[in-house]
Amino acid sequence: MSAIDLYNRPSADFAVKVERAIALLREQAAAHPRLTQASSLGAEDMVVTHLVHLAGIEASVFVLETGKLHAETLAMIPKIERRYATSVRVFRPRHESVVHFVRRHGEDAMYRSIELRKACCDVRKMEPLSRALAGHDGWITGLRREQSNARADVGEVIQEAERVKISPLVDWTWGDVWHFIALHGLDTNELHDRFFPSIGCEPCTRAISVGEDFRAGRWWWEQESAKECGLHAPPAASSLDRTPA
């Protein structure tokens, strides 16, 4: 059974949510013309990319290619580029930083402590994110309040230090996401059909079982309160692995 068959269950106010999302994107594009979308290449972000298209606004799309993504995830990039006649910007971690981290802590460092796992995220995600966002006054995400307790209070628009973060799906349900995908015939990551609702790096993501939480497959060896990489939470300073200047 496909993810669409399993999850295509829209809310009663689905149409209103779609209209609001498009209106929000247009409002923010008018106020912040240099927008970019951070895409995980998962279901929510495929919806966001299409909403940007429907809104008729200018916004580039970028991906943080950590060097640990599934092949099925990377396969989404050319599909986006073909459908929307655009080039997806790909940002990779600095090679010397990865080499330094792996030599010091090994490839399996993320399993040994939360601090090491977050340091790995810092090297592979946070530093590339700073380059991806440079020169932009706003970024668009696929955050939803339903995704986790840590995201339950996320706002549609958050003013950050240098730019705004725009999340047009904050009040959408998982059923809304998949109904939109079905309506518009959107491509989706094949892993969703294999019970991966939330997809990150390959070593840090597994399929979930019936009854498990939406993000149970992310960093499954950690407590729920720790399950953020830093992209959507204030980054904590770490002195574990800064490549010497």
C-alpha atoms as a PDB file:
ATOM      1  CA  MET A   1       0.000   0.000   0.000  1.00  0.00           C
ATOM      2  CA  SER A   2       1.368   3.436  -0.939  1.00  0.00           C
ATOM      3  CA  ALA A   3       1.704   6.427   1.362  1.00  0.00           C
ATOM      4  CA  ILE A   4      -1.093   8.149  -0.559  1.00  0.00           C
ATOM      5  CA  ASP A   5      -3.419   5.205   0.103  1.00  0.00           C
ATOM      6  CA  LEU A   6      -2.491   5.257   3.774  1.00  0.00           C
ATOM      7  CA  TYR A   7      -2.531   8.961   4.538  1.00  0.00           C
ATOM      8  CA  ASN A   8      -4.760  10.787   2.039  1.00  0.00           C
ATOM      9  CA  ARG A   9      -7.232  12.121   4.625  1.00  0.00           C
ATOM     10  CA  PRO A  10      -7.869  15.889   4.312  1.00  0.00           C
ATOM     11  CA  SER A  11      -9.229  18.065   7.072  1.00  0.00           C
ATOM     12  CA  ALA A  12     -12.690  19.586   6.698  1.00  0.00           C
ATOM     13  CA  ASP A  13     -11.061  23.000   6.172  1.00  0.00           C
ATOM     14  CA  PHE A  14      -8.383  21.755   3.755  1.00  0.00           C
ATOM     15  CA  ALA A  15      -9.319  24.238   0.994  1.00  0.00           C
ATOM     16  CA  VAL A  16      -9.088  27.135   3.449  1.00  0.00           C
ATOM     17  CA  LYS A  17      -5.622  26.007   4.522  1.00  0.00           C
ATOM     18  CA  VAL A  18      -4.430  25.916   0.920  1.00  0.00           C
ATOM     19  CA  GLU A  19      -5.781  29.409   0.246  1.00  0.00           C
ATOM     20  CA  ARG A  20      -4.145  30.705   3.426  1.00  0.00           C
ATOM     21  CA  ALA A  21      -0.785  29.143   2.543  1.00  0.00           C
ATOM     22  CA  ILE A  22      -0.764  30.732  -0.912  1.00  0.00           C
ATOM     23  CA  ALA A  23      -1.840  34.108   0.480  1.00  0.00           C
ATOM     24  CA  LEU A  24       0.874  33.946   3.142  1.00  0.00           C
ATOM     25  CA  LEU A  25       3.548  33.220   0.545  1.00  0.00           C
ATOM     26  CA  ARG A  26       2.423  36.149  -1.595  1.00  0.00           C
ATOM     27  CA  GLU A  27       2.305  38.500   1.406  1.00  0.00           C
ATOM     28  CA  GLN A  28       5.792  37.533   2.515  1.00  0.00           C
ATOM     29  CA  ALA A  29       7.232  37.664  -1.000  1.00  0.00           C
ATOM     30  CA  ALA A  30       5.986  41.225  -1.320  1.00  0.00           C
ATOM     31  CA  ALA A  31       7.701  42.186   1.938  1.00  0.00           C
ATOM     32  CA  HIS A  32      10.788  39.987   1.514  1.00  0.00           C
ATOM     33  CA  PRO A  33      11.617  39.569  -2.175  1.00  0.00           C
ATOM     34  CA  ARG A  34      14.820  37.551  -1.707  1.00  0.00           C
ATOM     35  CA  LEU A  35      13.286  34.233  -0.634  1.00  0.00           C
ATOM     36  CA  THR A  36      14.619  30.695  -0.713  1.00  0.00           C
ATOM     37  CA  GLN A  37      13.073  27.377   0.257  1.00  0.00           C
ATOM     38  CA  ALA A  38      14.913  24.865   2.437  1.00  0.00           C
ATOM     39  CA  SER A  39      13.871  21.482   1.076  1.00  0.00           C
ATOM     40  CA  SER A  40      14.431  18.177   2.833  1.00  0.00           C
ATOM     41  CA  LEU A  41      12.978  16.550  -0.306  1.00  0.00           C
ATOM     42  CA  GLY A  42      10.305  14.964   1.901  1.00  0.00           C
ATOM     43  CA  ALA A  43       6.528  15.141   1.491  1.00  0.00           C
ATOM     44  CA  GLU A  44       5.969  18.500   3.197  1.00  0.00           C
ATOM     45  CA  ASP A  45       8.673  20.208   1.193  1.00  0.00           C
ATOM     46  CA  MET A  46       7.348  18.853  -2.104  1.00  0.00           C
ATOM     47  CA  VAL A  47       4.032  20.463  -1.139  1.00  0.00           C
ATOM     48  CA  VAL A  48       5.750  23.744  -0.264  1.00  0.00           C
ATOM     49  CA  THR A  49       7.599  23.813  -3.595  1.00  0.00           C
ATOM     50  CA  HIS A  50       4.286  23.412  -5.416  1.00  0.00           C
ATOM     51  CA  LEU A  51       2.594  26.063  -3.267  1.00  0.00           C
ATOM     52  CA  VAL A  52       5.376  28.482  -4.209  1.00  0.00           C
ATOM     53  CA  HIS A  53       4.676  27.623  -7.846  1.00  0.00           C
ATOM     54  CA  LEU A  54       0.917  28.184  -7.405  1.00  0.00           C
ATOM     55  CA  ALA A  55       1.538  31.471  -5.612  1.00  0.00           C
ATOM     56  CA  GLY A  56       3.566  32.670  -8.574  1.00  0.00           C
ATOM     57  CA  ILE A  57       6.377  34.077  -6.452  1.00  0.00           C
ATOM     58  CA  GLU A  58      10.136  33.997  -6.928  1.00  0.00           C
ATOM     59  CA  ALA A  59      11.931  31.697  -4.517  1.00  0.00           C
ATOM     60  CA  SER A  60      14.927  29.482  -5.111  1.00  0.00           C
ATOM     61  CA  VAL A  61      15.104  25.954  -3.676  1.00  0.00           C
ATOM     62  CA  PHE A  62      18.109  24.588  -1.824  1.00  0.00           C
ATOM     63  CA  VAL A  63      19.054  21.211  -0.379  1.00  0.00           C
ATOM     64  CA  LEU A  64      21.609  20.435   2.307  1.00  0.00           C
ATOM     65  CA  GLU A  65      23.404  17.417   0.880  1.00  0.00           C
ATOM     66  CA  THR A  66      25.038  16.155   4.041  1.00  0.00           C
ATOM     67  CA  GLY A  67      26.909  13.307   2.368  1.00  0.00           C
ATOM     68  CA  LYS A  68      24.674  10.895   4.313  1.00  0.00           C
ATOM     69  CA  LEU A  69      21.351  11.192   2.469  1.00  0.00           C
ATOM     70  CA  HIS A  70      19.526   8.175   1.051  1.00  0.00           C
ATOM     71  CA  ALA A  71      19.780   7.594  -2.697  1.00  0.00           C
ATOM     72  CA  GLU A  72      15.978   7.809  -2.815  1.00  0.00           C
ATOM     73  CA  THR A  73      16.160  11.306  -1.324  1.00  0.00           C
ATOM     74  CA  LEU A  74      18.766  12.564  -3.790  1.00  0.00           C
ATOM     75  CA  ALA A  75      16.660  11.157  -6.645  1.00  0.00           C
ATOM     76  CA  MET A  76      14.067  13.854  -5.922  1.00  0.00           C
ATOM     77  CA  ILE A  77      16.358  16.691  -7.053  1.00  0.00           C
ATOM     78  CA  PRO A  78      16.128  16.097 -10.831  1.00  0.00           C
ATOM     79  CA  LYS A  79      12.372  15.563 -10.511  1.00  0.00           C
ATOM     80  CA  ILE A  80      11.960  19.036  -9.020  1.00  0.00           C
ATOM     81  CA  GLU A  81      14.232  20.555 -11.641  1.00  0.00           C
ATOM     82  CA  ARG A  82      12.275  18.985 -14.509  1.00  0.00           C
ATOM     83  CA  ARG A  83       8.820  19.850 -13.200  1.00  0.00           C
ATOM     84  CA  TYR A  84       9.532  23.473 -12.302  1.00  0.00           C
ATOM     85  CA  ALA A  85      12.260  24.237 -14.857  1.00  0.00           C
ATOM     86  CA  THR A  86      14.588  25.413 -12.117  1.00  0.00           C
ATOM     87  CA  SER A  87      17.964  24.500 -10.669  1.00  0.00           C
ATOM     88  CA  VAL A  88      18.012  23.219  -7.117  1.00  0.00           C
ATOM     89  CA  ARG A  89      20.929  24.721  -5.199  1.00  0.00           C
ATOM     90  CA  VAL A  90      22.907  21.998  -3.418  1.00  0.00           C
ATOM     91  CA  PHE A  91      25.065  22.850  -0.410  1.00  0.00           C
ATOM     92  CA  ARG A  92      27.533  20.311   0.954  1.00  0.00           C
ATOM     93  CA  PRO A  93      29.602  20.386   4.141  1.00  0.00           C
ATOM     94  CA  ARG A  94      33.172  21.564   3.861  1.00  0.00           C
ATOM     95  CA  HIS A  95      35.300  18.530   3.052  1.00  0.00           C
ATOM     96  CA  GLU A  96      38.025  19.371   5.545  1.00  0.00           C
ATOM     97  CA  SER A  97      35.470  19.731   8.351  1.00  0.00           C
ATOM     98  CA  VAL A  98      33.987  16.302   7.655  1.00  0.00           C
ATOM     99  CA  VAL A  99      37.425  14.686   7.457  1.00  0.00           C
ATOM    100  CA  HIS A 100      38.453  16.329  10.727  1.00  0.00           C
ATOM    101  CA  PHE A 101      35.274  15.156  12.490  1.00  0.00           C
ATOM    102  CA  VAL A 102      35.403  11.576  11.213  1.00  0.00           C
ATOM    103  CA  ARG A 103      39.103  11.169  11.971  1.00  0.00           C
ATOM    104  CA  ARG A 104      38.564  12.334  15.507  1.00  0.00           C
ATOM    105  CA  HIS A 105      35.270  10.587  16.311  1.00  0.00           C
ATOM    106  CA  GLY A 106      34.575   7.977  13.627  1.00  0.00           C
ATOM    107  CA  GLU A 107      31.661   7.422  11.271  1.00  0.00           C
ATOM    108  CA  ASP A 108      29.385   6.234  14.095  1.00  0.00           C
ATOM    109  CA  ALA A 109      29.915   9.207  16.410  1.00  0.00           C
ATOM    110  CA  MET A 110      26.223  10.177  16.297  1.00  0.00           C
ATOM    111  CA  TYR A 111      25.251   7.031  18.219  1.00  0.00           C
ATOM    112  CA  ARG A 112      27.606   7.643  21.141  1.00  0.00           C
ATOM    113  CA  SER A 113      26.228  10.858  22.622  1.00  0.00           C
ATOM    114  CA  ILE A 114      23.767  13.640  21.898  1.00  0.00           C
ATOM    115  CA  GLU A 115      26.629  16.128  21.948  1.00  0.00           C
ATOM    116  CA  LEU A 116      28.528  14.216  19.267  1.00  0.00           C
ATOM    117  CA  ARG A 117      25.385  13.745  17.184  1.00  0.00           C
ATOM    118  CA  LYS A 118      24.657  17.465  17.298  1.00  0.00           C
ATOM    119  CA  ALA A 119      28.273  18.228  16.454  1.00  0.00           C
ATOM    120  CA  CYS A 120      27.886  16.032  13.366  1.00  0.00           C
ATOM    121  CA  CYS A 121      24.708  17.948  12.446  1.00  0.00           C
ATOM    122  CA  ASP A 122      26.616  21.181  12.969  1.00  0.00           C
ATOM    123  CA  VAL A 123      29.300  20.169  10.465  1.00  0.00           C
ATOM    124  CA  ARG A 124      26.979  18.598   7.905  1.00  0.00           C
ATOM    125  CA  LYS A 125      23.932  20.895   8.188  1.00  0.00           C
ATOM    126  CA  MET A 126      24.373  24.083  10.161  1.00  0.00           C
ATOM    127  CA  GLU A 127      27.471  25.447   8.460  1.00  0.00           C
ATOM    128  CA  PRO A 128      26.108  24.689   4.944  1.00  0.00           C
ATOM    129  CA  LEU A 129      22.808  26.295   6.000  1.00  0.00           C
ATOM    130  CA  SER A 130      24.589  29.564   6.749  1.00  0.00           C
ATOM    131  CA  ARG A 131      25.923  29.594   3.194  1.00  0.00           C
ATOM    132  CA  ALA A 132      22.560  28.638   1.730  1.00  0.00           C
ATOM    133  CA  LEU A 133      20.793  31.518   3.489  1.00  0.00           C
ATOM    134  CA  ALA A 134      23.408  34.175   2.756  1.00  0.00           C
ATOM    135  CA  GLY A 135      21.955  37.047   0.741  1.00  0.00           C
ATOM    136  CA  HIS A 136      18.331  36.110   1.453  1.00  0.00           C
ATOM    137  CA  ASP A 137      15.892  38.021   3.612  1.00  0.00           C
ATOM    138  CA  GLY A 138      13.546  35.085   4.138  1.00  0.00           C
ATOM    139  CA  TRP A 139      13.449  31.300   3.996  1.00  0.00           C
ATOM    140  CA  ILE A 140      10.506  28.957   3.559  1.00  0.00           C
ATOM    141  CA  THR A 141      10.164  25.676   5.452  1.00  0.00           C
ATOM    142  CA  GLY A 142       7.760  22.741   5.649  1.00  0.00           C
ATOM    143  CA  LEU A 143       7.401  22.826   9.437  1.00  0.00           C
ATOM    144  CA  ARG A 144       4.078  21.634  10.869  1.00  0.00           C
ATOM    145  CA  ARG A 145       2.930  21.881  14.476  1.00  0.00           C
ATOM    146  CA  GLU A 146       1.724  18.281  14.371  1.00  0.00           C
ATOM    147  CA  GLN A 147       5.239  16.961  13.666  1.00  0.00           C
ATOM    148  CA  SER A 148       6.503  16.997  17.259  1.00  0.00           C
ATOM    149  CA  ASN A 149       6.085  18.573  20.673  1.00  0.00           C
ATOM    150  CA  ALA A 150       9.096  20.765  19.942  1.00  0.00           C
ATOM    151  CA  ARG A 151       7.259  22.249  16.968  1.00  0.00           C
ATOM    152  CA  ALA A 152       3.801  22.528  18.535  1.00  0.00           C
ATOM    153  CA  ASP A 153       4.014  26.313  18.895  1.00  0.00           C
ATOM    154  CA  VAL A 154       5.868  27.207  15.691  1.00  0.00           C
ATOM    155  CA  GLY A 155       4.531  30.334  14.011  1.00  0.00           C
ATOM    156  CA  GLU A 156       3.717  30.983  10.361  1.00  0.00           C
ATOM    157  CA  VAL A 157       6.302  33.757  10.293  1.00  0.00           C
ATOM    158  CA  ILE A 158       9.197  34.049  12.723  1.00  0.00           C
ATOM    159  CA  GLN A 159      11.541  37.004  12.721  1.00  0.00           C
ATOM    160  CA  GLU A 160      15.091  35.777  13.064  1.00  0.00           C
ATOM    161  CA  ALA A 161      18.192  37.909  13.457  1.00  0.00           C
ATOM    162  CA  GLU A 162      18.814  38.542   9.765  1.00  0.00           C
ATOM    163  CA  ARG A 163      15.719  37.192   8.000  1.00  0.00           C
ATOM    164  CA  VAL A 164      12.235  35.780   8.439  1.00  0.00           C
ATOM    165  CA  LYS A 165      11.344  32.104   8.522  1.00  0.00           C
ATOM    166  CA  ILE A 166       8.073  31.341   6.741  1.00  0.00           C
ATOM    167  CA  SER A 167       6.199  28.099   7.395  1.00  0.00           C
ATOM    168  CA  PRO A 168       2.966  27.952   5.358  1.00  0.00           C
ATOM    169  CA  LEU A 169       2.010  24.447   6.539  1.00  0.00           C
ATOM    170  CA  VAL A 170       2.059  25.020  10.293  1.00  0.00           C
ATOM    171  CA  ASP A 171      -1.582  24.005  10.837  1.00  0.00           C
ATOM    172  CA  TRP A 172      -1.737  21.293   8.151  1.00  0.00           C
ATOM    173  CA  THR A 173      -2.227  17.663   9.157  1.00  0.00           C
ATOM    174  CA  TRP A 174      -0.326  14.729   7.677  1.00  0.00           C
ATOM    175  CA  GLY A 175      -3.571  13.852   5.902  1.00  0.00           C
ATOM    176  CA  ASP A 176      -3.720  17.350   4.383  1.00  0.00           C
ATOM    177  CA  VAL A 177      -0.175  16.962   3.059  1.00  0.00           C
ATOM    178  CA  TRP A 178      -0.955  13.719   1.285  1.00  0.00           C
ATOM    179  CA  HIS A 179      -4.301  14.927  -0.035  1.00  0.00           C
ATOM    180  CA  PHE A 180      -2.509  17.877  -1.658  1.00  0.00           C
ATOM    181  CA  ILE A 181       0.087  15.505  -3.109  1.00  0.00           C
ATOM    182  CA  ALA A 182      -2.636  13.312  -4.583  1.00  0.00           C
ATOM    183  CA  LEU A 183      -4.599  16.275  -5.980  1.00  0.00           C
ATOM    184  CA  HIS A 184      -1.580  17.718  -7.785  1.00  0.00           C
ATOM    185  CA  GLY A 185       0.173  14.501  -8.741  1.00  0.00           C
ATOM    186  CA  LEU A 186       3.366  15.450  -6.925  1.00  0.00           C
ATOM    187  CA  ASP A 187       6.443  13.257  -6.894  1.00  0.00           C
ATOM    188  CA  THR A 188       7.397  11.933  -3.469  1.00  0.00           C
ATOM    189  CA  ASN A 189      10.354  10.196  -1.896  1.00  0.00           C
ATOM    190  CA  GLU A 190       9.997   6.415  -2.327  1.00  0.00           C
ATOM    191  CA  LEU A 191      10.921   5.958   1.330  1.00  0.00           C
ATOM    192  CA  HIS A 192       7.515   7.326   2.345  1.00  0.00           C
ATOM    193  CA  ASP A 193       5.963   4.180   0.875  1.00  0.00           C
ATOM    194  CA  ARG A 194       8.248   2.135   3.153  1.00  0.00           C
ATOM    195  CA  PHE A 195       6.988   3.725   6.389  1.00  0.00           C
ATOM    196  CA  PHE A 196       9.522   6.554   6.609  1.00  0.00           C
ATOM    197  CA  PRO A 197       7.278   9.572   7.359  1.00  0.00           C
ATOM    198  CA  SER A 198      10.199  11.774   8.474  1.00  0.00           C
ATOM    199  CA  ILE A 199      13.411  11.392   6.479  1.00  0.00           C
ATOM    200  CA  GLY A 200      16.838  12.679   7.374  1.00  0.00           C
ATOM    201  CA  CYS A 201      20.340  11.272   7.007  1.00  0.00           C
ATOM    202  CA  GLU A 202      20.549   7.533   6.400  1.00  0.00           C
ATOM    203  CA  PRO A 203      22.357   6.606   9.662  1.00  0.00           C
ATOM    204  CA  CYS A 204      19.844   8.618  11.683  1.00  0.00           C
ATOM    205  CA  THR A 205      16.561   7.516  10.084  1.00  0.00           C
ATOM    206  CA  ARG A 206      14.608   4.267  10.210  1.00  0.00           C
ATOM    207  CA  ALA A 207      11.121   3.100   9.285  1.00  0.00           C
ATOM    208  CA  ILE A 208       8.453   3.341  11.987  1.00  0.00           C
ATOM    209  CA  SER A 209       6.042   0.673  13.203  1.00  0.00           C
ATOM    210  CA  VAL A 210       2.270   0.901  13.622  1.00  0.00           C
ATOM    211  CA  GLY A 211       1.434   3.150  16.549  1.00  0.00           C
ATOM    212  CA  GLU A 212       4.802   4.887  16.734  1.00  0.00           C
ATOM    213  CA  ASP A 213       5.127   8.660  16.766  1.00  0.00           C
ATOM    214  CA  PHE A 214       5.605  10.505  13.460  1.00  0.00           C
ATOM    215  CA  ARG A 215       9.271  11.254  14.189  1.00  0.00           C
ATOM    216  CA  ALA A 216      10.036   8.027  16.074  1.00  0.00           C
ATOM    217  CA  GLY A 217      12.338   6.973  13.248  1.00  0.00           C
ATOM    218  CA  ARG A 218      14.566  10.033  13.615  1.00  0.00           C
ATOM    219  CA  TRP A 219      17.447   9.608  16.096  1.00  0.00           C
ATOM    220  CA  TRP A 220      15.426   6.755  17.602  1.00  0.00           C
ATOM    221  CA  TRP A 221      18.053   6.075  20.285  1.00  0.00           C
ATOM    222  CA  GLU A 222      17.533   9.538  21.825  1.00  0.00           C
ATOM    223  CA  GLN A 223      14.819  11.028  23.993  1.00  0.00           C
ATOM    224  CA  GLU A 224      12.031  12.936  22.257  1.00  0.00           C
ATOM    225  CA  SER A 225      13.192  16.277  23.698  1.00  0.00           C
ATOM    226  CA  ALA A 226      16.549  15.994  21.892  1.00  0.00           C
ATOM    227  CA  LYS A 227      15.223  15.310  18.404  1.00  0.00           C
ATOM    228  CA  GLU A 228      16.231  18.456  16.558  1.00  0.00           C
ATOM    229  CA  CYS A 229      19.382  18.981  14.509  1.00  0.00           C
ATOM    230  CA  GLY A 230      19.576  22.747  14.991  1.00  0.00           C
ATOM    231  CA  LEU A 231      17.996  23.889  11.730  1.00  0.00           C
ATOM    232  CA  HIS A 232      14.765  24.769  13.511  1.00  0.00           C
ATOM    233  CA  ALA A 233      16.042  25.501  17.006  1.00  0.00           C
ATOM    234  CA  PRO A 234      18.517  28.043  18.372  1.00  0.00           C
ATOM    235  CA  PRO A 235      21.924  26.447  17.744  1.00  0.00           C
ATOM    236  CA  ALA A 236      23.918  25.599  20.835  1.00  0.00           C
ATOM    237  CA  ALA A 237      27.615  26.380  20.807  1.00  0.00           C
ATOM    238  CA  SER A 238      29.830  23.330  20.655  1.00  0.00           C
ATOM    239  CA  SER A 239      33.589  23.198  20.927  1.00  0.00           C
ATOM    240  CA  LEU A 240      33.829  19.523  19.975  1.00  0.00           C
ATOM    241  CA  ASP A 241      34.889  19.854  16.394  1.00  0.00           C
ATOM    242  CA  ARG A 242      35.733  23.218  14.953  1.00  0.00           C
ATOM    243  CA  THR A 243      38.141  22.793  12.089  1.00  0.00           C
ATOM    244  CA  PRO A 244      41.172  24.970  12.864  1.00  0.00           C
ATOM    245  CA  ALA A 245      41.058  28.280  11.021  1.00  0.00           C
END
